Amino acid sequence: NKIAPGETVKLRLYKNDVTPDEDTVVGGLTEADTAGYAAISLAKADWTIASVGDVTTAAQPQKTFTLTGAGTHYGYYITDEAGTGLLWAERFSDAPHTLPSGGGTEKITVKLIGE
């Protein structure tokens, strides 16, 4: 999917047991609904772009979801602002992450590497 220049994209957590691939669509991911959860905006100005040889990397500063209840999360995904277009998704390498009844945090550093 493509986004409009300057459009803010959203970082979201998903709670279903899915390993995203190139055929994954936003409807195939179930957004987290853990108490305290809210999608996080990734502002255009916060991206750091670097190129070394033929490899370009785009990264955001680490983002933290602060959750106040129990929940299970399998990964994160990036959508357009409306949440209807999927840009990419990634399963946590140590999925699932299970939070106790008191909640906790999920810390994610978004990084995209292109060749």
N, C-alpha and C. Protein backbone atom coordinates (compact mmCIF):
# COMPACT_ATOMS: atom_id res chain seq x y z
N ASN A 1 0.83 -1.19 0.00
CA ASN A 1 0.00 0.00 0.00
C ASN A 1 0.87 1.25 0.00
N LYS A 2 0.30 2.32 -0.47
CA LYS A 2 1.00 3.59 -0.50
C LYS A 2 0.26 4.57 0.40
N ILE A 3 1.00 5.55 0.89
CA ILE A 3 0.39 6.60 1.68
C ILE A 3 0.67 7.93 1.01
N ALA A 4 -0.14 8.90 1.33
CA ALA A 4 0.04 10.23 0.76
C ALA A 4 1.25 10.89 1.40
N PRO A 5 1.98 11.71 0.64
CA PRO A 5 3.13 12.43 1.23
C PRO A 5 2.69 13.20 2.47
N GLY A 6 3.44 13.06 3.53
CA GLY A 6 3.15 13.78 4.77
C GLY A 6 2.13 13.11 5.66
N GLU A 7 1.50 12.03 5.19
CA GLU A 7 0.49 11.35 6.00
C GLU A 7 1.15 10.67 7.20
N THR A 8 0.53 10.80 8.35
CA THR A 8 1.00 10.11 9.55
C THR A 8 0.54 8.66 9.47
N VAL A 9 1.42 7.74 9.82
CA VAL A 9 1.04 6.33 9.86
C VAL A 9 0.91 5.91 11.32
N LYS A 10 0.27 4.77 11.54
CA LYS A 10 -0.01 4.30 12.90
C LYS A 10 0.66 2.96 13.18
N LEU A 11 1.23 2.87 14.37
CA LEU A 11 1.80 1.64 14.89
C LEU A 11 0.73 0.98 15.75
N ARG A 12 0.45 -0.29 15.47
CA ARG A 12 -0.60 -1.00 16.18
C ARG A 12 -0.09 -2.37 16.63
N LEU A 13 -0.68 -2.91 17.68
CA LEU A 13 -0.39 -4.26 18.13
C LEU A 13 -1.49 -5.19 17.64
N TYR A 14 -1.13 -6.43 17.32
CA TYR A 14 -2.18 -7.40 16.99
C TYR A 14 -2.15 -8.55 17.99
N LYS A 15 -3.36 -9.14 18.18
CA LYS A 15 -3.52 -10.14 19.23
C LYS A 15 -3.85 -11.54 18.73
N ASN A 16 -3.98 -11.72 17.42
CA ASN A 16 -4.25 -13.07 16.93
C ASN A 16 -2.95 -13.76 16.52
N ASP A 17 -2.97 -15.08 16.57
CA ASP A 17 -1.77 -15.90 16.33
C ASP A 17 -1.53 -16.03 14.83
N VAL A 18 -0.92 -14.99 14.25
CA VAL A 18 -0.67 -14.92 12.81
C VAL A 18 0.81 -14.63 12.59
N THR A 19 1.36 -15.26 11.56
CA THR A 19 2.70 -14.91 11.09
C THR A 19 2.50 -14.19 9.76
N PRO A 20 2.62 -12.86 9.75
CA PRO A 20 2.35 -12.10 8.53
C PRO A 20 3.30 -12.48 7.39
N ASP A 21 2.76 -12.41 6.18
CA ASP A 21 3.57 -12.61 4.99
C ASP A 21 3.13 -11.60 3.94
N GLU A 22 3.62 -11.74 2.73
CA GLU A 22 3.32 -10.74 1.69
C GLU A 22 1.85 -10.70 1.30
N ASP A 23 1.08 -11.74 1.65
CA ASP A 23 -0.35 -11.77 1.32
C ASP A 23 -1.23 -11.27 2.47
N THR A 24 -0.65 -10.93 3.60
CA THR A 24 -1.43 -10.46 4.75
C THR A 24 -2.09 -9.13 4.43
N VAL A 25 -3.35 -9.01 4.83
CA VAL A 25 -4.10 -7.76 4.69
C VAL A 25 -4.51 -7.30 6.08
N VAL A 26 -4.86 -6.03 6.20
CA VAL A 26 -5.18 -5.47 7.51
C VAL A 26 -6.33 -6.24 8.17
N GLY A 27 -7.27 -6.74 7.39
CA GLY A 27 -8.39 -7.50 7.94
C GLY A 27 -7.99 -8.85 8.51
N GLY A 28 -6.78 -9.31 8.21
CA GLY A 28 -6.29 -10.58 8.74
C GLY A 28 -5.62 -10.44 10.10
N LEU A 29 -5.51 -9.21 10.58
CA LEU A 29 -4.89 -8.94 11.88
C LEU A 29 -5.95 -8.40 12.82
N THR A 30 -5.98 -8.90 14.04
CA THR A 30 -6.95 -8.42 15.03
C THR A 30 -6.24 -7.46 15.96
N GLU A 31 -6.66 -6.20 15.90
CA GLU A 31 -5.99 -5.18 16.72
C GLU A 31 -6.21 -5.46 18.20
N ALA A 32 -5.17 -5.21 18.98
CA ALA A 32 -5.23 -5.39 20.43
C ALA A 32 -6.34 -4.54 21.03
N ASP A 33 -6.92 -5.04 22.11
CA ASP A 33 -7.93 -4.27 22.84
C ASP A 33 -7.65 -4.31 24.35
N THR A 34 -6.40 -4.54 24.68
CA THR A 34 -5.97 -4.56 26.08
C THR A 34 -6.26 -3.20 26.72
N ALA A 35 -6.68 -3.20 27.97
CA ALA A 35 -6.95 -1.94 28.67
C ALA A 35 -5.73 -1.02 28.58
N GLY A 36 -5.99 0.25 28.26
CA GLY A 36 -4.93 1.24 28.14
C GLY A 36 -4.32 1.33 26.75
N TYR A 37 -4.68 0.40 25.86
CA TYR A 37 -4.09 0.36 24.52
C TYR A 37 -4.62 1.48 23.63
N ALA A 38 -3.73 2.07 22.87
CA ALA A 38 -4.10 3.01 21.81
C ALA A 38 -3.00 2.95 20.76
N ALA A 39 -3.39 2.99 19.49
CA ALA A 39 -2.41 3.03 18.41
C ALA A 39 -1.51 4.25 18.60
N ILE A 40 -0.27 4.16 18.13
CA ILE A 40 0.69 5.26 18.26
C ILE A 40 0.99 5.85 16.89
N SER A 41 0.87 7.17 16.78
CA SER A 41 1.19 7.86 15.53
C SER A 41 2.70 7.90 15.31
N LEU A 42 3.11 7.63 14.08
CA LEU A 42 4.52 7.72 13.70
C LEU A 42 4.65 8.92 12.77
N ALA A 43 5.06 10.03 13.34
CA ALA A 43 5.14 11.28 12.58
C ALA A 43 6.25 11.22 11.54
N LYS A 44 5.98 11.83 10.41
CA LYS A 44 6.96 11.88 9.32
C LYS A 44 8.29 12.45 9.80
N ALA A 45 8.25 13.49 10.63
CA ALA A 45 9.47 14.17 11.09
C ALA A 45 10.34 13.28 11.98
N ASP A 46 9.77 12.21 12.54
CA ASP A 46 10.53 11.34 13.45
C ASP A 46 11.32 10.24 12.74
N TRP A 47 11.14 10.08 11.44
CA TRP A 47 11.88 9.05 10.72
C TRP A 47 13.32 9.48 10.51
N THR A 48 14.25 8.58 10.74
CA THR A 48 15.66 8.79 10.42
C THR A 48 15.98 7.89 9.24
N ILE A 49 16.43 8.50 8.15
CA ILE A 49 16.74 7.77 6.92
C ILE A 49 18.25 7.76 6.73
N ALA A 50 18.81 6.59 6.47
CA ALA A 50 20.25 6.48 6.24
C ALA A 50 20.50 5.50 5.09
N SER A 51 21.49 5.80 4.28
CA SER A 51 21.87 4.91 3.18
C SER A 51 23.34 4.56 3.28
N VAL A 52 23.64 3.28 3.13
CA VAL A 52 25.01 2.80 3.08
C VAL A 52 25.07 1.87 1.87
N GLY A 53 25.81 2.28 0.86
CA GLY A 53 25.85 1.49 -0.37
C GLY A 53 24.47 1.43 -0.98
N ASP A 54 24.00 0.22 -1.27
CA ASP A 54 22.68 0.02 -1.87
C ASP A 54 21.58 -0.22 -0.85
N VAL A 55 21.89 -0.09 0.43
CA VAL A 55 20.91 -0.38 1.49
C VAL A 55 20.46 0.91 2.15
N THR A 56 19.14 1.12 2.18
CA THR A 56 18.55 2.28 2.84
C THR A 56 17.76 1.80 4.05
N THR A 57 17.94 2.48 5.16
CA THR A 57 17.24 2.14 6.40
C THR A 57 16.41 3.33 6.85
N ALA A 58 15.17 3.05 7.24
CA ALA A 58 14.29 4.07 7.82
C ALA A 58 13.91 3.59 9.21
N ALA A 59 14.12 4.43 10.22
CA ALA A 59 13.85 4.01 11.60
C ALA A 59 13.15 5.11 12.38
N GLN A 60 12.38 4.69 13.35
CA GLN A 60 11.70 5.59 14.29
C GLN A 60 12.33 5.39 15.67
N PRO A 61 12.29 6.41 16.52
CA PRO A 61 12.71 6.19 17.91
C PRO A 61 11.80 5.12 18.55
N GLN A 62 12.31 4.45 19.56
CA GLN A 62 11.53 3.41 20.23
C GLN A 62 10.19 3.98 20.71
N LYS A 63 9.13 3.21 20.51
CA LYS A 63 7.79 3.59 20.95
C LYS A 63 7.36 2.62 22.05
N THR A 64 6.61 3.14 23.03
CA THR A 64 6.18 2.32 24.15
C THR A 64 4.66 2.35 24.28
N PHE A 65 4.05 1.17 24.27
CA PHE A 65 2.64 1.02 24.59
C PHE A 65 2.59 0.75 26.09
N THR A 66 1.84 1.57 26.83
CA THR A 66 1.66 1.37 28.26
C THR A 66 0.25 0.83 28.47
N LEU A 67 0.17 -0.41 28.90
CA LEU A 67 -1.10 -1.12 29.01
C LEU A 67 -1.44 -1.34 30.48
N THR A 68 -2.73 -1.27 30.79
CA THR A 68 -3.14 -1.32 32.19
C THR A 68 -3.88 -2.60 32.57
N GLY A 69 -3.98 -3.54 31.64
CA GLY A 69 -4.66 -4.80 31.93
C GLY A 69 -3.97 -5.96 31.26
N ALA A 70 -4.53 -7.15 31.50
CA ALA A 70 -3.98 -8.37 30.91
C ALA A 70 -4.21 -8.39 29.41
N GLY A 71 -3.28 -8.99 28.70
CA GLY A 71 -3.44 -9.11 27.25
C GLY A 71 -2.34 -9.95 26.65
N THR A 72 -2.61 -10.47 25.47
CA THR A 72 -1.64 -11.25 24.73
C THR A 72 -1.47 -10.63 23.36
N HIS A 73 -0.22 -10.42 22.96
CA HIS A 73 0.09 -9.78 21.68
C HIS A 73 1.10 -10.64 20.93
N TYR A 74 0.89 -10.75 19.62
CA TYR A 74 1.76 -11.57 18.79
C TYR A 74 2.70 -10.75 17.93
N GLY A 75 2.40 -9.47 17.74
CA GLY A 75 3.28 -8.65 16.92
C GLY A 75 2.72 -7.25 16.75
N TYR A 76 3.32 -6.54 15.79
CA TYR A 76 2.88 -5.18 15.51
C TYR A 76 2.67 -5.01 14.01
N TYR A 77 1.92 -3.97 13.66
CA TYR A 77 1.73 -3.65 12.26
C TYR A 77 1.61 -2.15 12.09
N ILE A 78 1.88 -1.70 10.88
CA ILE A 78 1.85 -0.28 10.53
C ILE A 78 0.75 -0.10 9.49
N THR A 79 -0.12 0.87 9.74
CA THR A 79 -1.20 1.16 8.79
C THR A 79 -1.19 2.63 8.41
N ASP A 80 -2.02 2.94 7.42
CA ASP A 80 -2.30 4.34 7.15
C ASP A 80 -3.04 4.90 8.37
N GLU A 81 -3.26 6.19 8.38
CA GLU A 81 -3.87 6.83 9.55
C GLU A 81 -5.25 6.27 9.86
N ALA A 82 -6.02 5.96 8.83
CA ALA A 82 -7.38 5.46 9.02
C ALA A 82 -7.42 4.02 9.50
N GLY A 83 -6.31 3.30 9.35
CA GLY A 83 -6.27 1.90 9.77
C GLY A 83 -6.80 0.94 8.73
N THR A 84 -7.01 1.41 7.50
CA THR A 84 -7.58 0.57 6.45
C THR A 84 -6.55 0.00 5.49
N GLY A 85 -5.37 0.59 5.44
CA GLY A 85 -4.32 0.11 4.54
C GLY A 85 -3.12 -0.39 5.33
N LEU A 86 -2.70 -1.62 5.07
CA LEU A 86 -1.56 -2.21 5.76
C LEU A 86 -0.28 -1.89 5.01
N LEU A 87 0.69 -1.33 5.72
CA LEU A 87 1.99 -1.05 5.11
C LEU A 87 2.94 -2.20 5.35
N TRP A 88 3.02 -2.69 6.58
CA TRP A 88 3.76 -3.91 6.89
C TRP A 88 3.41 -4.39 8.28
N ALA A 89 3.77 -5.64 8.55
CA ALA A 89 3.50 -6.26 9.85
C ALA A 89 4.65 -7.18 10.20
N GLU A 90 4.86 -7.35 11.49
CA GLU A 90 5.93 -8.23 11.95
C GLU A 90 5.48 -8.95 13.23
N ARG A 91 5.70 -10.25 13.25
CA ARG A 91 5.43 -11.05 14.44
C ARG A 91 6.63 -10.90 15.38
N PHE A 92 6.38 -10.82 16.68
CA PHE A 92 7.47 -10.79 17.65
C PHE A 92 8.25 -12.10 17.55
N SER A 93 9.57 -12.03 17.58
CA SER A 93 10.39 -13.24 17.48
C SER A 93 10.15 -14.18 18.66
N ASP A 94 9.71 -13.62 19.78
CA ASP A 94 9.43 -14.43 20.97
C ASP A 94 7.94 -14.44 21.32
N ALA A 95 7.09 -14.33 20.29
CA ALA A 95 5.63 -14.30 20.49
C ALA A 95 5.17 -15.62 21.10
N PRO A 96 4.09 -15.54 21.90
CA PRO A 96 3.35 -14.34 22.25
C PRO A 96 3.93 -13.62 23.47
N HIS A 97 3.60 -12.34 23.57
CA HIS A 97 3.91 -11.56 24.77
C HIS A 97 2.62 -11.55 25.59
N THR A 98 2.67 -12.05 26.80
CA THR A 98 1.48 -12.11 27.65
C THR A 98 1.69 -11.20 28.85
N LEU A 99 0.77 -10.25 29.01
CA LEU A 99 0.83 -9.30 30.13
C LEU A 99 -0.10 -9.77 31.24
N PRO A 100 0.30 -9.60 32.50
CA PRO A 100 -0.55 -9.99 33.63
C PRO A 100 -1.69 -9.00 33.83
N SER A 101 -2.55 -9.28 34.79
CA SER A 101 -3.72 -8.44 35.04
C SER A 101 -3.36 -6.99 35.34
N GLY A 102 -2.18 -6.74 35.88
CA GLY A 102 -1.77 -5.37 36.18
C GLY A 102 -1.22 -4.62 34.98
N GLY A 103 -1.11 -5.31 33.83
CA GLY A 103 -0.62 -4.66 32.62
C GLY A 103 0.89 -4.69 32.51
N GLY A 104 1.41 -3.77 31.72
CA GLY A 104 2.85 -3.69 31.49
C GLY A 104 3.11 -2.85 30.25
N THR A 105 4.28 -3.01 29.67
CA THR A 105 4.61 -2.23 28.49
C THR A 105 5.06 -3.14 27.35
N GLU A 106 4.85 -2.65 26.14
CA GLU A 106 5.40 -3.26 24.93
C GLU A 106 6.24 -2.17 24.29
N LYS A 107 7.53 -2.42 24.10
CA LYS A 107 8.43 -1.44 23.50
C LYS A 107 8.83 -1.93 22.11
N ILE A 108 8.66 -1.05 21.13
CA ILE A 108 8.92 -1.43 19.75
C ILE A 108 9.77 -0.36 19.07
N THR A 109 10.80 -0.80 18.38
CA THR A 109 11.60 0.08 17.54
C THR A 109 11.30 -0.31 16.10
N VAL A 110 10.63 0.58 15.40
CA VAL A 110 10.25 0.32 14.01
C VAL A 110 11.44 0.64 13.11
N LYS A 111 11.80 -0.34 12.29
CA LYS A 111 12.93 -0.16 11.38
C LYS A 111 12.62 -0.88 10.08
N LEU A 112 12.77 -0.18 8.98
CA LEU A 112 12.52 -0.73 7.66
C LEU A 112 13.82 -0.69 6.88
N ILE A 113 14.22 -1.82 6.32
CA ILE A 113 15.47 -1.90 5.55
C ILE A 113 15.12 -2.25 4.11
N GLY A 114 15.59 -1.43 3.19
CA GLY A 114 15.33 -1.67 1.77
C GLY A 114 16.62 -1.77 0.99
N GLU A 115 16.60 -2.60 -0.02
CA GLU A 115 17.79 -2.74 -0.87
C GLU A 115 17.46 -2.32 -2.28
